[in-house]
Amino acid sequence: MEHPPEVPRTVEWVEQSDQKPLVRLLDQTRLPAEIVFRDCRRVGDIWLAIRELAVRGAPAIGIAAAMGLALETYHFDSPTNDPRRFLQQLGAAADYLRTSRPTAVNLFWALDRLQSRAESVAGSCSLPYLRRLLRDEALAIEAEDRATCLAIGRNGAALIPHGAGVLTHCNAGSLATAGLGTALAAIYVAQQQGKRVRVFVDETRPLLQGAR
């Protein structure tokens, strides 16, 4: 299990055959009363979603930012033979996204990773290729997070005995990630293994997300 079946995906890259792609985010400000998604078509939409806490949790924020940066390249006016212009626009979009949550480490790390990837090949690649490259890099970040969550779950479950009580702190579930979550991943896997686990949720700020 890479993602709990009862929880919607927090962030998703959506290809559209007749239009430019978009990034679909679960609007966590509407939980638990409603399941509402935001379709983000420009970097400003991603910026606002991060700023308004519609997407929360360090891994999820990093993935959303990476996808948002890749998404914005589909709106660049860079000529295919002008990599310098492409990198300038990419840098401006990344700097803008960084202002959405200046304390989010994963956000900065993800943006730096995409920029470094583009800079390493920009001089010899076309604009369509660079777009696909950054899209694939953002999707790789998402896939790596799912794998990390699963590894946390498998390793953490080994530490949880049958009948244990586990205390979680803040946003430790799948809503904070692309996969099973962090602390809750261990609980999901332990439950799959047939262990009975009681969970105590304490810290839930800023918007009670740990309790949701």
N, C-alpha and C. Protein backbone atom coordinates (compact mmCIF):
# COMPACT_ATOMS: atom_id res chain seq x y z
N MET A 1 0.85 -1.20 0.00
CA MET A 1 0.00 0.00 0.00
C MET A 1 0.88 1.25 0.00
N GLU A 2 0.80 2.05 -1.08
CA GLU A 2 1.59 3.28 -1.17
C GLU A 2 0.79 4.49 -0.72
N HIS A 3 -0.53 4.35 -0.68
CA HIS A 3 -1.38 5.47 -0.29
C HIS A 3 -2.66 4.90 0.31
N PRO A 4 -3.11 5.42 1.44
CA PRO A 4 -4.34 4.89 2.04
C PRO A 4 -5.53 5.09 1.11
N PRO A 5 -6.30 4.05 0.85
CA PRO A 5 -7.37 4.15 -0.15
C PRO A 5 -8.47 5.13 0.24
N GLU A 6 -8.64 5.38 1.53
CA GLU A 6 -9.73 6.26 1.95
C GLU A 6 -9.37 7.74 1.92
N VAL A 7 -8.12 8.06 1.61
CA VAL A 7 -7.67 9.45 1.62
C VAL A 7 -7.38 9.90 0.19
N PRO A 8 -7.97 10.99 -0.29
CA PRO A 8 -7.69 11.48 -1.64
C PRO A 8 -6.22 11.91 -1.78
N ARG A 9 -5.72 11.90 -2.99
CA ARG A 9 -4.36 12.36 -3.24
C ARG A 9 -4.25 13.85 -2.94
N THR A 10 -3.17 14.24 -2.30
CA THR A 10 -3.00 15.64 -1.93
C THR A 10 -2.60 16.51 -3.11
N VAL A 11 -1.80 15.95 -4.01
CA VAL A 11 -1.30 16.73 -5.15
C VAL A 11 -1.12 15.80 -6.33
N GLU A 12 -1.49 16.28 -7.52
CA GLU A 12 -1.46 15.42 -8.70
C GLU A 12 -1.21 16.25 -9.96
N TRP A 13 -0.30 15.77 -10.79
CA TRP A 13 -0.06 16.38 -12.11
C TRP A 13 -1.09 15.80 -13.09
N VAL A 14 -1.80 16.67 -13.79
CA VAL A 14 -2.86 16.22 -14.70
C VAL A 14 -2.54 16.67 -16.12
N GLU A 15 -2.32 15.71 -17.01
CA GLU A 15 -2.14 16.01 -18.43
C GLU A 15 -3.51 16.17 -19.08
N GLN A 16 -3.61 17.13 -20.01
CA GLN A 16 -4.85 17.35 -20.74
C GLN A 16 -4.53 17.31 -22.23
N SER A 17 -5.27 16.50 -22.96
CA SER A 17 -4.94 16.28 -24.37
C SER A 17 -5.09 17.53 -25.21
N ASP A 18 -6.08 18.37 -24.88
CA ASP A 18 -6.36 19.53 -25.71
C ASP A 18 -5.98 20.85 -25.05
N GLN A 19 -5.38 20.78 -23.87
CA GLN A 19 -4.99 22.00 -23.16
C GLN A 19 -3.64 21.78 -22.48
N LYS A 20 -3.12 22.86 -21.89
CA LYS A 20 -1.90 22.74 -21.12
C LYS A 20 -2.18 21.97 -19.83
N PRO A 21 -1.17 21.32 -19.26
CA PRO A 21 -1.40 20.55 -18.05
C PRO A 21 -1.78 21.44 -16.87
N LEU A 22 -2.24 20.80 -15.80
CA LEU A 22 -2.56 21.52 -14.57
C LEU A 22 -2.12 20.68 -13.38
N VAL A 23 -2.11 21.31 -12.22
CA VAL A 23 -1.81 20.62 -10.96
C VAL A 23 -3.07 20.65 -10.11
N ARG A 24 -3.50 19.47 -9.69
CA ARG A 24 -4.73 19.36 -8.89
C ARG A 24 -4.36 19.14 -7.43
N LEU A 25 -4.84 20.03 -6.56
CA LEU A 25 -4.54 19.96 -5.13
C LEU A 25 -5.81 19.71 -4.34
N LEU A 26 -5.71 18.88 -3.33
CA LEU A 26 -6.80 18.72 -2.37
C LEU A 26 -6.79 19.96 -1.47
N ASP A 27 -7.91 20.68 -1.41
CA ASP A 27 -8.00 21.90 -0.60
C ASP A 27 -8.21 21.51 0.85
N GLN A 28 -7.14 21.52 1.62
CA GLN A 28 -7.21 21.05 3.00
C GLN A 28 -7.87 22.04 3.95
N THR A 29 -8.10 23.25 3.47
CA THR A 29 -8.84 24.21 4.31
C THR A 29 -10.32 23.84 4.40
N ARG A 30 -10.78 22.97 3.50
CA ARG A 30 -12.20 22.60 3.46
C ARG A 30 -12.47 21.30 4.21
N LEU A 31 -11.44 20.62 4.63
CA LEU A 31 -11.59 19.38 5.39
C LEU A 31 -11.97 19.67 6.84
N PRO A 32 -12.66 18.79 7.52
CA PRO A 32 -13.14 17.49 7.06
C PRO A 32 -14.55 17.52 6.47
N ALA A 33 -15.17 18.67 6.44
CA ALA A 33 -16.58 18.74 6.02
C ALA A 33 -16.77 18.47 4.53
N GLU A 34 -15.78 18.88 3.70
CA GLU A 34 -15.94 18.76 2.25
C GLU A 34 -14.66 18.24 1.61
N ILE A 35 -14.82 17.50 0.53
CA ILE A 35 -13.69 17.11 -0.31
C ILE A 35 -13.73 18.00 -1.55
N VAL A 36 -12.83 18.96 -1.60
CA VAL A 36 -12.81 19.94 -2.70
C VAL A 36 -11.39 19.98 -3.27
N PHE A 37 -11.30 20.03 -4.59
CA PHE A 37 -10.00 20.10 -5.25
C PHE A 37 -9.81 21.46 -5.92
N ARG A 38 -8.58 21.91 -5.93
CA ARG A 38 -8.21 23.13 -6.66
C ARG A 38 -7.44 22.74 -7.91
N ASP A 39 -7.88 23.21 -9.05
CA ASP A 39 -7.13 23.01 -10.28
C ASP A 39 -6.26 24.25 -10.51
N CYS A 40 -4.95 24.05 -10.40
CA CYS A 40 -3.99 25.15 -10.52
C CYS A 40 -3.38 25.14 -11.92
N ARG A 41 -3.52 26.26 -12.61
CA ARG A 41 -3.06 26.33 -14.00
C ARG A 41 -1.83 27.22 -14.17
N ARG A 42 -1.52 28.04 -13.18
CA ARG A 42 -0.37 28.93 -13.24
C ARG A 42 0.36 28.91 -11.91
N VAL A 43 1.57 29.41 -11.90
CA VAL A 43 2.37 29.42 -10.68
C VAL A 43 1.70 30.23 -9.58
N GLY A 44 0.95 31.26 -9.95
CA GLY A 44 0.25 32.07 -8.96
C GLY A 44 -0.80 31.28 -8.20
N ASP A 45 -1.43 30.31 -8.88
CA ASP A 45 -2.42 29.47 -8.21
C ASP A 45 -1.75 28.58 -7.15
N ILE A 46 -0.58 28.06 -7.48
CA ILE A 46 0.17 27.23 -6.53
C ILE A 46 0.64 28.09 -5.37
N TRP A 47 1.14 29.27 -5.67
CA TRP A 47 1.60 30.19 -4.62
C TRP A 47 0.48 30.45 -3.62
N LEU A 48 -0.71 30.74 -4.13
CA LEU A 48 -1.84 31.06 -3.26
C LEU A 48 -2.25 29.84 -2.43
N ALA A 49 -2.24 28.67 -3.04
CA ALA A 49 -2.62 27.46 -2.31
C ALA A 49 -1.66 27.17 -1.16
N ILE A 50 -0.38 27.38 -1.40
CA ILE A 50 0.61 27.18 -0.33
C ILE A 50 0.44 28.25 0.74
N ARG A 51 0.26 29.47 0.32
CA ARG A 51 0.12 30.59 1.26
C ARG A 51 -1.11 30.44 2.14
N GLU A 52 -2.21 29.97 1.56
CA GLU A 52 -3.47 29.85 2.29
C GLU A 52 -3.59 28.53 3.06
N LEU A 53 -2.53 27.71 3.02
CA LEU A 53 -2.52 26.42 3.72
C LEU A 53 -3.50 25.42 3.11
N ALA A 54 -3.85 25.61 1.85
CA ALA A 54 -4.67 24.61 1.16
C ALA A 54 -3.87 23.33 0.97
N VAL A 55 -2.57 23.45 0.84
CA VAL A 55 -1.67 22.30 0.83
C VAL A 55 -0.72 22.49 2.01
N ARG A 56 -0.59 21.41 2.80
CA ARG A 56 0.20 21.52 4.03
C ARG A 56 1.07 20.28 4.20
N GLY A 57 2.07 20.43 5.05
CA GLY A 57 3.02 19.35 5.27
C GLY A 57 4.23 19.56 4.38
N ALA A 58 5.41 19.45 4.96
CA ALA A 58 6.64 19.77 4.22
C ALA A 58 6.78 18.99 2.91
N PRO A 59 6.60 17.66 2.90
CA PRO A 59 6.75 16.95 1.62
C PRO A 59 5.73 17.39 0.57
N ALA A 60 4.47 17.55 0.97
CA ALA A 60 3.43 17.94 0.02
C ALA A 60 3.69 19.34 -0.53
N ILE A 61 4.16 20.24 0.31
CA ILE A 61 4.48 21.59 -0.15
C ILE A 61 5.61 21.54 -1.17
N GLY A 62 6.63 20.74 -0.90
CA GLY A 62 7.74 20.63 -1.84
C GLY A 62 7.30 20.09 -3.19
N ILE A 63 6.46 19.07 -3.17
CA ILE A 63 5.95 18.48 -4.42
C ILE A 63 5.09 19.48 -5.18
N ALA A 64 4.21 20.17 -4.46
CA ALA A 64 3.36 21.17 -5.11
C ALA A 64 4.19 22.28 -5.74
N ALA A 65 5.22 22.72 -5.05
CA ALA A 65 6.08 23.77 -5.58
C ALA A 65 6.82 23.30 -6.82
N ALA A 66 7.35 22.07 -6.78
CA ALA A 66 8.05 21.53 -7.94
C ALA A 66 7.12 21.42 -9.14
N MET A 67 5.93 20.90 -8.91
CA MET A 67 4.97 20.79 -10.01
C MET A 67 4.54 22.17 -10.50
N GLY A 68 4.39 23.11 -9.57
CA GLY A 68 4.01 24.47 -9.96
C GLY A 68 5.06 25.13 -10.84
N LEU A 69 6.33 24.91 -10.50
CA LEU A 69 7.41 25.49 -11.31
C LEU A 69 7.45 24.84 -12.69
N ALA A 70 7.32 23.51 -12.74
CA ALA A 70 7.29 22.82 -14.03
C ALA A 70 6.08 23.28 -14.85
N LEU A 71 4.96 23.45 -14.19
CA LEU A 71 3.73 23.89 -14.87
C LEU A 71 3.91 25.25 -15.53
N GLU A 72 4.57 26.15 -14.84
CA GLU A 72 4.70 27.52 -15.35
C GLU A 72 5.54 27.57 -16.62
N THR A 73 6.43 26.60 -16.82
CA THR A 73 7.26 26.62 -18.04
C THR A 73 6.42 26.48 -19.31
N TYR A 74 5.21 25.93 -19.19
CA TYR A 74 4.32 25.80 -20.34
C TYR A 74 3.74 27.16 -20.75
N HIS A 75 4.01 28.18 -19.95
CA HIS A 75 3.52 29.52 -20.24
C HIS A 75 4.68 30.49 -20.54
N PHE A 76 5.90 29.99 -20.57
CA PHE A 76 7.04 30.84 -20.89
C PHE A 76 6.97 31.29 -22.34
N ASP A 77 7.50 32.49 -22.58
CA ASP A 77 7.56 33.00 -23.95
C ASP A 77 8.97 32.86 -24.54
N SER A 78 9.79 31.98 -23.93
CA SER A 78 11.17 31.81 -24.37
C SER A 78 11.23 31.19 -25.76
N PRO A 79 12.01 31.77 -26.67
CA PRO A 79 12.25 31.10 -27.95
C PRO A 79 12.98 29.78 -27.71
N THR A 80 12.77 28.82 -28.58
CA THR A 80 13.38 27.51 -28.38
C THR A 80 14.90 27.56 -28.44
N ASN A 81 15.46 28.60 -29.03
CA ASN A 81 16.92 28.68 -29.14
C ASN A 81 17.52 29.70 -28.17
N ASP A 82 16.80 30.03 -27.09
CA ASP A 82 17.29 31.03 -26.14
C ASP A 82 17.23 30.46 -24.72
N PRO A 83 18.18 29.59 -24.36
CA PRO A 83 18.17 28.98 -23.02
C PRO A 83 18.34 30.01 -21.91
N ARG A 84 19.05 31.10 -22.20
CA ARG A 84 19.25 32.12 -21.17
C ARG A 84 17.93 32.74 -20.74
N ARG A 85 17.08 33.02 -21.72
CA ARG A 85 15.77 33.58 -21.41
C ARG A 85 14.93 32.58 -20.60
N PHE A 86 15.00 31.31 -20.97
CA PHE A 86 14.27 30.27 -20.25
C PHE A 86 14.71 30.23 -18.79
N LEU A 87 16.02 30.24 -18.54
CA LEU A 87 16.53 30.17 -17.17
C LEU A 87 16.18 31.42 -16.37
N GLN A 88 16.13 32.57 -17.05
CA GLN A 88 15.71 33.79 -16.37
C GLN A 88 14.27 33.69 -15.90
N GLN A 89 13.41 33.23 -16.77
CA GLN A 89 12.00 33.08 -16.41
C GLN A 89 11.81 32.00 -15.34
N LEU A 90 12.57 30.94 -15.45
CA LEU A 90 12.50 29.87 -14.45
C LEU A 90 12.92 30.40 -13.08
N GLY A 91 14.00 31.18 -13.06
CA GLY A 91 14.47 31.74 -11.80
C GLY A 91 13.47 32.70 -11.18
N ALA A 92 12.82 33.50 -12.00
CA ALA A 92 11.81 34.44 -11.50
C ALA A 92 10.62 33.69 -10.90
N ALA A 93 10.18 32.64 -11.57
CA ALA A 93 9.05 31.85 -11.06
C ALA A 93 9.42 31.14 -9.76
N ALA A 94 10.65 30.62 -9.69
CA ALA A 94 11.10 29.94 -8.47
C ALA A 94 11.21 30.92 -7.31
N ASP A 95 11.76 32.10 -7.56
CA ASP A 95 11.88 33.11 -6.51
C ASP A 95 10.50 33.52 -5.99
N TYR A 96 9.54 33.61 -6.89
CA TYR A 96 8.17 33.96 -6.49
C TYR A 96 7.59 32.87 -5.60
N LEU A 97 7.76 31.62 -5.97
CA LEU A 97 7.24 30.52 -5.17
C LEU A 97 7.89 30.47 -3.79
N ARG A 98 9.15 30.83 -3.71
CA ARG A 98 9.84 30.80 -2.41
C ARG A 98 9.20 31.75 -1.39
N THR A 99 8.55 32.80 -1.88
CA THR A 99 7.94 33.77 -0.97
C THR A 99 6.63 33.26 -0.39
N SER A 100 6.10 32.15 -0.91
CA SER A 100 4.82 31.64 -0.42
C SER A 100 4.95 31.07 0.99
N ARG A 101 6.10 30.47 1.30
CA ARG A 101 6.32 29.90 2.63
C ARG A 101 7.83 29.92 2.90
N PRO A 102 8.34 31.06 3.37
CA PRO A 102 9.79 31.23 3.51
C PRO A 102 10.45 30.25 4.47
N THR A 103 9.68 29.59 5.34
CA THR A 103 10.26 28.66 6.30
C THR A 103 10.17 27.19 5.86
N ALA A 104 9.64 26.94 4.68
CA ALA A 104 9.42 25.55 4.22
C ALA A 104 10.69 25.02 3.55
N VAL A 105 11.39 24.15 4.25
CA VAL A 105 12.66 23.63 3.74
C VAL A 105 12.46 22.81 2.46
N ASN A 106 11.45 21.95 2.45
CA ASN A 106 11.23 21.12 1.27
C ASN A 106 10.91 21.94 0.02
N LEU A 107 10.22 23.05 0.22
CA LEU A 107 9.88 23.93 -0.90
C LEU A 107 11.16 24.45 -1.56
N PHE A 108 12.09 24.97 -0.76
CA PHE A 108 13.34 25.50 -1.29
C PHE A 108 14.16 24.39 -1.94
N TRP A 109 14.21 23.22 -1.28
CA TRP A 109 14.98 22.10 -1.80
C TRP A 109 14.44 21.66 -3.16
N ALA A 110 13.13 21.54 -3.29
CA ALA A 110 12.53 21.09 -4.54
C ALA A 110 12.77 22.09 -5.67
N LEU A 111 12.61 23.36 -5.38
CA LEU A 111 12.83 24.39 -6.40
C LEU A 111 14.29 24.41 -6.83
N ASP A 112 15.21 24.32 -5.88
CA ASP A 112 16.64 24.28 -6.20
C ASP A 112 16.96 23.08 -7.09
N ARG A 113 16.34 21.97 -6.79
CA ARG A 113 16.59 20.74 -7.57
C ARG A 113 16.15 20.91 -9.02
N LEU A 114 14.97 21.49 -9.24
CA LEU A 114 14.51 21.70 -10.61
C LEU A 114 15.37 22.70 -11.34
N GLN A 115 15.74 23.78 -10.66
CA GLN A 115 16.60 24.78 -11.31
C GLN A 115 17.95 24.19 -11.69
N SER A 116 18.53 23.41 -10.80
CA SER A 116 19.83 22.79 -11.09
C SER A 116 19.73 21.84 -12.28
N ARG A 117 18.61 21.11 -12.33
CA ARG A 117 18.42 20.19 -13.44
C ARG A 117 18.33 20.94 -14.76
N ALA A 118 17.61 22.04 -14.78
CA ALA A 118 17.48 22.83 -16.01
C ALA A 118 18.81 23.45 -16.40
N GLU A 119 19.53 23.98 -15.43
CA GLU A 119 20.81 24.64 -15.72
C GLU A 119 21.83 23.67 -16.27
N SER A 120 21.73 22.40 -15.91
CA SER A 120 22.73 21.42 -16.33
C SER A 120 22.60 21.05 -17.81
N VAL A 121 21.43 21.32 -18.41
CA VAL A 121 21.22 20.90 -19.80
C VAL A 121 20.68 22.00 -20.71
N ALA A 122 20.39 23.17 -20.14
CA ALA A 122 19.65 24.19 -20.89
C ALA A 122 20.36 24.61 -22.18
N GLY A 123 21.66 24.61 -22.18
CA GLY A 123 22.39 25.09 -23.35
C GLY A 123 22.27 24.21 -24.57
N SER A 124 21.81 22.97 -24.38
CA SER A 124 21.79 22.04 -25.52
C SER A 124 20.41 21.43 -25.78
N CYS A 125 19.37 22.00 -25.16
CA CYS A 125 18.04 21.40 -25.28
C CYS A 125 17.01 22.41 -25.76
N SER A 126 15.98 21.90 -26.40
CA SER A 126 14.89 22.74 -26.86
C SER A 126 13.94 23.04 -25.70
N LEU A 127 13.09 24.03 -25.89
CA LEU A 127 12.12 24.38 -24.86
C LEU A 127 11.16 23.23 -24.56
N PRO A 128 10.59 22.56 -25.57
CA PRO A 128 9.71 21.42 -25.25
C PRO A 128 10.41 20.34 -24.44
N TYR A 129 11.68 20.09 -24.75
CA TYR A 129 12.43 19.08 -23.99
C TYR A 129 12.61 19.52 -22.55
N LEU A 130 12.93 20.81 -22.32
CA LEU A 130 13.12 21.31 -20.97
C LEU A 130 11.83 21.23 -20.16
N ARG A 131 10.72 21.51 -20.81
CA ARG A 131 9.43 21.38 -20.12
C ARG A 131 9.22 19.95 -19.64
N ARG A 132 9.44 18.99 -20.54
CA ARG A 132 9.24 17.59 -20.17
C ARG A 132 10.22 17.17 -19.09
N LEU A 133 11.44 17.67 -19.19
CA LEU A 133 12.47 17.33 -18.21
C LEU A 133 12.07 17.78 -16.81
N LEU A 134 11.58 19.00 -16.69
CA LEU A 134 11.19 19.52 -15.38
C LEU A 134 9.91 18.86 -14.87
N ARG A 135 9.00 18.55 -15.78
CA ARG A 135 7.81 17.79 -15.37
C ARG A 135 8.23 16.44 -14.80
N ASP A 136 9.13 15.76 -15.49
CA ASP A 136 9.58 14.45 -15.03
C ASP A 136 10.33 14.55 -13.71
N GLU A 137 11.08 15.63 -13.52
CA GLU A 137 11.80 15.80 -12.26
C GLU A 137 10.82 16.01 -11.11
N ALA A 138 9.78 16.79 -11.35
CA ALA A 138 8.76 17.00 -10.32
C ALA A 138 8.05 15.70 -9.99
N LEU A 139 7.74 14.91 -11.01
CA LEU A 139 7.09 13.62 -10.79
C LEU A 139 8.03 12.65 -10.06
N ALA A 140 9.33 12.79 -10.31
CA ALA A 140 10.31 11.95 -9.61
C ALA A 140 10.33 12.30 -8.12
N ILE A 141 10.22 13.58 -7.80
CA ILE A 141 10.16 14.00 -6.39
C ILE A 141 8.94 13.40 -5.72
N GLU A 142 7.82 13.41 -6.43
CA GLU A 142 6.60 12.81 -5.89
C GLU A 142 6.78 11.31 -5.66
N ALA A 143 7.34 10.61 -6.64
CA ALA A 143 7.54 9.16 -6.52
C ALA A 143 8.51 8.83 -5.39
N GLU A 144 9.56 9.63 -5.25
CA GLU A 144 10.52 9.40 -4.18
C GLU A 144 9.88 9.59 -2.82
N ASP A 145 8.97 10.55 -2.71
CA ASP A 145 8.29 10.76 -1.43
C ASP A 145 7.41 9.56 -1.09
N ARG A 146 6.70 9.02 -2.09
CA ARG A 146 5.89 7.83 -1.83
C ARG A 146 6.76 6.67 -1.35
N ALA A 147 7.92 6.51 -1.98
CA ALA A 147 8.82 5.43 -1.58
C ALA A 147 9.37 5.66 -0.17
N THR A 148 9.67 6.91 0.14
CA THR A 148 10.17 7.24 1.48
C THR A 148 9.12 6.95 2.54
N CYS A 149 7.88 7.32 2.26
CA CYS A 149 6.79 7.05 3.21
C CYS A 149 6.64 5.56 3.45
N LEU A 150 6.71 4.78 2.38
CA LEU A 150 6.57 3.34 2.52
C LEU A 150 7.72 2.75 3.33
N ALA A 151 8.93 3.27 3.11
CA ALA A 151 10.08 2.79 3.88
C ALA A 151 9.94 3.15 5.36
N ILE A 152 9.46 4.37 5.63
CA ILE A 152 9.20 4.77 7.02
C ILE A 152 8.17 3.82 7.64
N GLY A 153 7.13 3.52 6.87
CA GLY A 153 6.08 2.64 7.37
C GLY A 153 6.60 1.25 7.71
N ARG A 154 7.37 0.67 6.82
CA ARG A 154 7.87 -0.69 7.05
C ARG A 154 8.85 -0.75 8.21
N ASN A 155 9.73 0.23 8.27
CA ASN A 155 10.71 0.25 9.36
C ASN A 155 10.05 0.61 10.69
N GLY A 156 9.13 1.57 10.64
CA GLY A 156 8.47 1.98 11.87
C GLY A 156 7.56 0.91 12.43
N ALA A 157 6.88 0.17 11.55
CA ALA A 157 5.97 -0.88 12.01
C ALA A 157 6.70 -1.95 12.80
N ALA A 158 7.97 -2.17 12.46
CA ALA A 158 8.75 -3.19 13.18
C ALA A 158 8.98 -2.80 14.64
N LEU A 159 8.83 -1.51 14.94
CA LEU A 159 9.04 -1.03 16.30
C LEU A 159 7.75 -0.98 17.11
N ILE A 160 6.63 -1.26 16.46
CA ILE A 160 5.33 -1.15 17.12
C ILE A 160 4.83 -2.55 17.48
N PRO A 161 4.74 -2.86 18.77
CA PRO A 161 4.21 -4.18 19.15
C PRO A 161 2.69 -4.22 19.10
N HIS A 162 2.13 -5.40 19.09
CA HIS A 162 0.69 -5.57 19.12
C HIS A 162 0.12 -4.94 20.39
N GLY A 163 -0.94 -4.14 20.23
CA GLY A 163 -1.57 -3.50 21.38
C GLY A 163 -0.90 -2.21 21.83
N ALA A 164 0.02 -1.70 21.04
CA ALA A 164 0.76 -0.50 21.44
C ALA A 164 -0.11 0.75 21.35
N GLY A 165 0.27 1.75 22.09
CA GLY A 165 -0.29 3.09 21.95
C GLY A 165 0.76 3.98 21.33
N VAL A 166 0.39 4.71 20.28
CA VAL A 166 1.34 5.56 19.56
C VAL A 166 0.87 7.01 19.61
N LEU A 167 1.75 7.89 20.02
CA LEU A 167 1.45 9.32 20.08
C LEU A 167 1.98 9.99 18.82
N THR A 168 1.11 10.67 18.07
CA THR A 168 1.55 11.41 16.88
C THR A 168 1.56 12.90 17.18
N HIS A 169 2.40 13.62 16.46
CA HIS A 169 2.55 15.05 16.70
C HIS A 169 2.36 15.80 15.39
N CYS A 170 1.36 16.68 15.35
CA CYS A 170 1.05 17.53 14.21
C CYS A 170 0.63 16.71 12.99
N ASN A 171 0.98 17.16 11.81
CA ASN A 171 0.45 16.62 10.56
C ASN A 171 1.34 15.48 10.08
N ALA A 172 1.05 14.26 10.52
CA ALA A 172 1.94 13.14 10.27
C ALA A 172 1.34 12.10 9.33
N GLY A 173 0.24 12.44 8.68
CA GLY A 173 -0.45 11.48 7.83
C GLY A 173 -0.25 11.73 6.35
N SER A 174 -1.05 11.06 5.55
CA SER A 174 -0.91 11.13 4.09
C SER A 174 -1.23 12.50 3.53
N LEU A 175 -2.01 13.31 4.26
CA LEU A 175 -2.32 14.66 3.78
C LEU A 175 -1.07 15.53 3.70
N ALA A 176 -0.03 15.16 4.43
CA ALA A 176 1.20 15.95 4.45
C ALA A 176 2.21 15.48 3.41
N THR A 177 1.87 14.41 2.70
CA THR A 177 2.84 13.78 1.80
C THR A 177 2.14 13.35 0.51
N ALA A 178 2.89 12.63 -0.31
CA ALA A 178 2.31 12.02 -1.51
C ALA A 178 1.94 10.58 -1.28
N GLY A 179 2.29 10.04 -0.11
CA GLY A 179 2.09 8.62 0.15
C GLY A 179 1.34 8.35 1.44
N LEU A 180 1.87 7.39 2.21
CA LEU A 180 1.21 6.95 3.43
C LEU A 180 1.34 7.95 4.58
N GLY A 181 2.26 8.87 4.47
CA GLY A 181 2.52 9.78 5.58
C GLY A 181 3.85 9.45 6.23
N THR A 182 4.11 10.11 7.34
CA THR A 182 5.36 9.87 8.06
C THR A 182 5.08 8.95 9.25
N ALA A 183 4.74 9.51 10.40
CA ALA A 183 4.43 8.66 11.55
C ALA A 183 3.26 7.74 11.29
N LEU A 184 2.24 8.22 10.60
CA LEU A 184 1.07 7.38 10.35
C LEU A 184 1.37 6.24 9.38
N ALA A 185 2.43 6.36 8.60
CA ALA A 185 2.79 5.26 7.70
C ALA A 185 3.10 4.01 8.51
N ALA A 186 3.82 4.17 9.62
CA ALA A 186 4.15 3.03 10.47
C ALA A 186 2.88 2.40 11.05
N ILE A 187 1.91 3.24 11.37
CA ILE A 187 0.65 2.75 11.94
C ILE A 187 -0.16 2.01 10.88
N TYR A 188 -0.21 2.54 9.67
CA TYR A 188 -0.91 1.86 8.57
C TYR A 188 -0.31 0.48 8.32
N VAL A 189 1.01 0.41 8.24
CA VAL A 189 1.66 -0.87 7.95
C VAL A 189 1.48 -1.83 9.11
N ALA A 190 1.60 -1.34 10.35
CA ALA A 190 1.38 -2.20 11.51
C ALA A 190 -0.03 -2.78 11.51
N GLN A 191 -0.99 -1.95 11.12
CA GLN A 191 -2.37 -2.42 11.05
C GLN A 191 -2.52 -3.49 9.97
N GLN A 192 -1.85 -3.28 8.83
CA GLN A 192 -1.87 -4.28 7.76
C GLN A 192 -1.31 -5.62 8.23
N GLN A 193 -0.36 -5.54 9.15
CA GLN A 193 0.27 -6.75 9.68
C GLN A 193 -0.58 -7.42 10.75
N GLY A 194 -1.75 -6.86 11.03
CA GLY A 194 -2.65 -7.46 12.00
C GLY A 194 -2.49 -6.98 13.42
N LYS A 195 -1.68 -5.95 13.62
CA LYS A 195 -1.47 -5.43 14.97
C LYS A 195 -2.58 -4.45 15.34
N ARG A 196 -3.02 -4.52 16.56
CA ARG A 196 -3.97 -3.53 17.07
C ARG A 196 -3.19 -2.38 17.66
N VAL A 197 -3.50 -1.16 17.20
CA VAL A 197 -2.74 0.02 17.61
C VAL A 197 -3.71 1.12 18.02
N ARG A 198 -3.47 1.71 19.18
CA ARG A 198 -4.22 2.90 19.60
C ARG A 198 -3.38 4.13 19.27
N VAL A 199 -4.03 5.17 18.74
CA VAL A 199 -3.31 6.38 18.33
C VAL A 199 -3.80 7.57 19.14
N PHE A 200 -2.86 8.31 19.68
CA PHE A 200 -3.16 9.52 20.43
C PHE A 200 -2.62 10.72 19.64
N VAL A 201 -3.52 11.63 19.30
CA VAL A 201 -3.14 12.81 18.51
C VAL A 201 -3.04 14.00 19.46
N ASP A 202 -1.87 14.67 19.50
CA ASP A 202 -1.78 15.83 20.41
C ASP A 202 -1.71 17.14 19.62
N GLU A 203 -0.56 17.53 19.17
CA GLU A 203 -0.38 18.82 18.51
C GLU A 203 -1.08 18.81 17.14
N THR A 204 -1.95 19.81 16.89
CA THR A 204 -2.69 19.83 15.62
C THR A 204 -2.69 21.19 14.96
N ARG A 205 -1.89 22.11 15.43
CA ARG A 205 -1.89 23.44 14.80
C ARG A 205 -1.22 23.40 13.42
N PRO A 206 -1.47 24.42 12.55
CA PRO A 206 -2.23 25.65 12.79
C PRO A 206 -3.74 25.53 12.55
N LEU A 207 -4.18 24.51 11.80
CA LEU A 207 -5.60 24.43 11.45
C LEU A 207 -6.19 23.07 11.81
N LEU A 208 -5.72 22.53 12.94
CA LEU A 208 -6.23 21.23 13.41
C LEU A 208 -5.97 20.10 12.44
N GLN A 209 -4.97 20.23 11.54
CA GLN A 209 -4.78 19.21 10.52
C GLN A 209 -4.37 17.87 11.13
N GLY A 210 -3.67 17.89 12.25
CA GLY A 210 -3.29 16.62 12.86
C GLY A 210 -4.48 15.82 13.32
N ALA A 211 -5.59 16.47 13.63
CA ALA A 211 -6.80 15.81 14.10
C ALA A 211 -7.71 15.39 12.94
N ARG A 212 -7.35 15.74 11.72
CA ARG A 212 -8.24 15.47 10.59
C ARG A 212 -7.84 14.20 9.85
